Amino acid sequence: MTLQEKIQDAINVECTYADKNGSSRLSVCDHYNWDRDLWAYRYDIVDAIRNRGYSVSMSVRWGVTDIEISKQIQLS
């Protein structure tokens, strides 16, 4: 599996989960026990998810970046 396929799979999994449950969270960190590829491309991941029409927010705590993904709803 290439790096691009790996990242695309992670994006697809999170978006599918958000569609099913309303929201999802992807946590990434630059630590040897974490997936450093997801960490290195976290901003590209956020951009790709936003381009699909999801609401995305990021927060950092203790070196871990949480990416919150929410399915957009139409409010009047």
N, C-alpha and C. Protein backbone atom coordinates (compact mmCIF):
# COMPACT_ATOMS: atom_id res chain seq x y z
N MET A 1 0.85 -1.18 0.00
CA MET A 1 0.00 0.00 0.00
C MET A 1 0.90 1.24 0.00
N THR A 2 0.60 2.16 -0.89
CA THR A 2 1.38 3.39 -0.96
C THR A 2 0.96 4.34 0.15
N LEU A 3 1.77 5.35 0.37
CA LEU A 3 1.44 6.36 1.38
C LEU A 3 0.14 7.06 1.04
N GLN A 4 -0.05 7.39 -0.23
CA GLN A 4 -1.27 8.07 -0.65
C GLN A 4 -2.50 7.19 -0.40
N GLU A 5 -2.41 5.91 -0.69
CA GLU A 5 -3.52 4.99 -0.45
C GLU A 5 -3.81 4.86 1.05
N LYS A 6 -2.77 4.81 1.85
CA LYS A 6 -2.91 4.72 3.30
C LYS A 6 -3.65 5.93 3.86
N ILE A 7 -3.25 7.11 3.43
CA ILE A 7 -3.89 8.33 3.92
C ILE A 7 -5.32 8.43 3.40
N GLN A 8 -5.52 8.06 2.14
CA GLN A 8 -6.86 8.08 1.56
C GLN A 8 -7.79 7.13 2.30
N ASP A 9 -7.28 5.95 2.66
CA ASP A 9 -8.08 4.99 3.43
C ASP A 9 -8.47 5.56 4.79
N ALA A 10 -7.53 6.24 5.46
CA ALA A 10 -7.84 6.85 6.76
C ALA A 10 -8.93 7.91 6.60
N ILE A 11 -8.85 8.71 5.56
CA ILE A 11 -9.86 9.74 5.30
C ILE A 11 -11.22 9.09 5.04
N ASN A 12 -11.24 8.04 4.21
CA ASN A 12 -12.49 7.36 3.90
C ASN A 12 -13.14 6.74 5.13
N VAL A 13 -12.32 6.14 5.99
CA VAL A 13 -12.84 5.52 7.21
C VAL A 13 -13.48 6.58 8.12
N GLU A 14 -12.79 7.69 8.32
CA GLU A 14 -13.31 8.74 9.21
C GLU A 14 -14.58 9.37 8.63
N CYS A 15 -14.62 9.61 7.33
CA CYS A 15 -15.80 10.21 6.71
C CYS A 15 -16.99 9.26 6.75
N THR A 16 -16.75 7.99 6.51
CA THR A 16 -17.82 6.99 6.58
C THR A 16 -18.39 6.93 7.99
N TYR A 17 -17.51 6.95 9.00
CA TYR A 17 -17.96 6.93 10.39
C TYR A 17 -18.77 8.18 10.71
N ALA A 18 -18.32 9.34 10.24
CA ALA A 18 -19.04 10.59 10.49
C ALA A 18 -20.41 10.56 9.81
N ASP A 19 -20.49 9.99 8.61
CA ASP A 19 -21.79 9.87 7.93
C ASP A 19 -22.75 9.01 8.73
N LYS A 20 -22.23 7.94 9.29
CA LYS A 20 -23.07 6.99 10.02
C LYS A 20 -23.47 7.51 11.40
N ASN A 21 -22.54 8.19 12.09
CA ASN A 21 -22.76 8.57 13.49
C ASN A 21 -22.86 10.07 13.74
N GLY A 22 -22.69 10.87 12.71
CA GLY A 22 -22.79 12.31 12.86
C GLY A 22 -21.46 13.01 13.08
N SER A 23 -20.49 12.31 13.67
CA SER A 23 -19.17 12.90 13.88
C SER A 23 -18.13 11.81 14.07
N SER A 24 -16.89 12.21 13.97
CA SER A 24 -15.78 11.29 14.13
C SER A 24 -14.58 12.07 14.64
N ARG A 25 -13.61 11.37 15.20
CA ARG A 25 -12.39 12.02 15.69
C ARG A 25 -11.19 11.19 15.26
N LEU A 26 -10.23 11.87 14.67
CA LEU A 26 -8.95 11.27 14.31
C LEU A 26 -7.88 11.94 15.16
N SER A 27 -7.16 11.15 15.93
CA SER A 27 -6.10 11.69 16.77
C SER A 27 -4.76 11.29 16.18
N VAL A 28 -3.85 12.26 16.07
CA VAL A 28 -2.52 12.01 15.52
C VAL A 28 -1.46 12.61 16.43
N CYS A 29 -0.26 12.01 16.39
CA CYS A 29 0.81 12.49 17.26
C CYS A 29 2.15 12.11 16.64
N ASP A 30 3.16 12.94 16.87
CA ASP A 30 4.51 12.67 16.39
C ASP A 30 5.28 11.93 17.48
N HIS A 31 4.97 10.66 17.63
CA HIS A 31 5.58 9.82 18.65
C HIS A 31 5.78 8.43 18.04
N TYR A 32 6.75 7.69 18.50
CA TYR A 32 7.07 6.42 17.87
C TYR A 32 5.94 5.38 17.96
N ASN A 33 5.04 5.50 18.90
CA ASN A 33 3.92 4.56 19.01
C ASN A 33 2.72 4.96 18.16
N TRP A 34 2.79 6.11 17.49
CA TRP A 34 1.70 6.63 16.67
C TRP A 34 2.08 6.56 15.20
N ASP A 35 1.11 6.72 14.34
CA ASP A 35 1.36 6.71 12.90
C ASP A 35 1.89 8.07 12.47
N ARG A 36 3.17 8.16 12.22
CA ARG A 36 3.80 9.44 11.88
C ARG A 36 3.41 9.94 10.50
N ASP A 37 2.98 9.05 9.61
CA ASP A 37 2.52 9.50 8.29
C ASP A 37 1.26 10.35 8.43
N LEU A 38 0.34 9.91 9.27
CA LEU A 38 -0.88 10.69 9.48
C LEU A 38 -0.53 12.03 10.13
N TRP A 39 0.44 12.03 11.01
CA TRP A 39 0.88 13.27 11.65
C TRP A 39 1.48 14.22 10.62
N ALA A 40 2.35 13.71 9.77
CA ALA A 40 3.05 14.55 8.80
C ALA A 40 2.09 15.18 7.80
N TYR A 41 1.00 14.49 7.50
CA TYR A 41 0.06 14.97 6.49
C TYR A 41 -1.27 15.43 7.09
N ARG A 42 -1.26 15.78 8.37
CA ARG A 42 -2.51 16.13 9.06
C ARG A 42 -3.23 17.32 8.41
N TYR A 43 -2.48 18.30 7.94
CA TYR A 43 -3.12 19.46 7.32
C TYR A 43 -3.72 19.11 5.97
N ASP A 44 -3.07 18.23 5.23
CA ASP A 44 -3.62 17.76 3.96
C ASP A 44 -4.87 16.92 4.20
N ILE A 45 -4.86 16.14 5.27
CA ILE A 45 -6.04 15.33 5.62
C ILE A 45 -7.21 16.24 5.95
N VAL A 46 -6.97 17.27 6.74
CA VAL A 46 -8.03 18.23 7.09
C VAL A 46 -8.57 18.90 5.84
N ASP A 47 -7.69 19.33 4.95
CA ASP A 47 -8.14 19.99 3.71
C ASP A 47 -8.99 19.05 2.86
N ALA A 48 -8.58 17.79 2.75
CA ALA A 48 -9.32 16.82 1.94
C ALA A 48 -10.71 16.58 2.53
N ILE A 49 -10.79 16.49 3.86
CA ILE A 49 -12.09 16.25 4.51
C ILE A 49 -12.99 17.48 4.35
N ARG A 50 -12.44 18.66 4.50
CA ARG A 50 -13.22 19.89 4.28
C ARG A 50 -13.73 19.97 2.85
N ASN A 51 -12.90 19.58 1.90
CA ASN A 51 -13.30 19.60 0.49
C ASN A 51 -14.45 18.64 0.20
N ARG A 52 -14.63 17.66 1.05
CA ARG A 52 -15.77 16.73 0.91
C ARG A 52 -17.04 17.29 1.52
N GLY A 53 -16.94 18.46 2.17
CA GLY A 53 -18.12 19.11 2.72
C GLY A 53 -18.36 18.89 4.20
N TYR A 54 -17.38 18.42 4.91
CA TYR A 54 -17.53 18.20 6.36
C TYR A 54 -17.02 19.42 7.12
N SER A 55 -17.55 19.61 8.32
CA SER A 55 -17.01 20.61 9.24
C SER A 55 -15.85 19.96 9.98
N VAL A 56 -14.74 20.68 10.07
CA VAL A 56 -13.55 20.12 10.71
C VAL A 56 -12.97 21.14 11.68
N SER A 57 -12.61 20.67 12.86
CA SER A 57 -11.90 21.51 13.81
C SER A 57 -10.73 20.70 14.37
N MET A 58 -9.70 21.43 14.78
CA MET A 58 -8.51 20.78 15.34
C MET A 58 -8.19 21.37 16.70
N SER A 59 -7.72 20.52 17.59
CA SER A 59 -7.24 20.98 18.88
C SER A 59 -6.01 20.15 19.25
N VAL A 60 -5.14 20.76 20.06
CA VAL A 60 -3.91 20.09 20.47
C VAL A 60 -3.85 20.07 21.99
N ARG A 61 -3.57 18.90 22.52
CA ARG A 61 -3.41 18.76 23.97
C ARG A 61 -2.36 17.70 24.23
N TRP A 62 -1.37 18.04 25.03
CA TRP A 62 -0.29 17.14 25.40
C TRP A 62 0.41 16.56 24.17
N GLY A 63 0.51 17.34 23.10
CA GLY A 63 1.21 16.90 21.89
C GLY A 63 0.38 16.08 20.93
N VAL A 64 -0.86 15.79 21.31
CA VAL A 64 -1.76 15.02 20.45
C VAL A 64 -2.72 15.98 19.76
N THR A 65 -2.81 15.87 18.45
CA THR A 65 -3.73 16.70 17.68
C THR A 65 -5.00 15.88 17.43
N ASP A 66 -6.13 16.40 17.89
CA ASP A 66 -7.43 15.78 17.65
C ASP A 66 -8.10 16.51 16.50
N ILE A 67 -8.51 15.76 15.50
CA ILE A 67 -9.23 16.31 14.35
C ILE A 67 -10.68 15.86 14.47
N GLU A 68 -11.55 16.80 14.76
CA GLU A 68 -12.98 16.54 14.92
C GLU A 68 -13.69 16.73 13.58
N ILE A 69 -14.41 15.73 13.14
CA ILE A 69 -15.08 15.76 11.85
C ILE A 69 -16.58 15.63 12.10
N SER A 70 -17.34 16.59 11.56
CA SER A 70 -18.81 16.55 11.72
C SER A 70 -19.47 16.64 10.36
N LYS A 71 -20.52 15.88 10.22
CA LYS A 71 -21.31 15.93 9.01
C LYS A 71 -22.06 17.25 9.03
N GLN A 72 -22.00 17.99 7.92
CA GLN A 72 -22.68 19.28 7.88
C GLN A 72 -24.20 19.07 7.77
N ILE A 73 -24.92 19.93 8.44
CA ILE A 73 -26.39 19.91 8.35
C ILE A 73 -26.85 21.27 7.86
N GLN A 74 -27.99 21.29 7.26
CA GLN A 74 -28.56 22.53 6.74
C GLN A 74 -29.52 23.09 7.80
N LEU A 75 -29.22 24.28 8.28
CA LEU A 75 -30.08 24.95 9.24
C LEU A 75 -30.74 26.15 8.54
N SER A 76 -31.99 26.39 8.88
CA SER A 76 -32.65 27.54 8.26
C SER A 76 -32.89 28.64 9.24
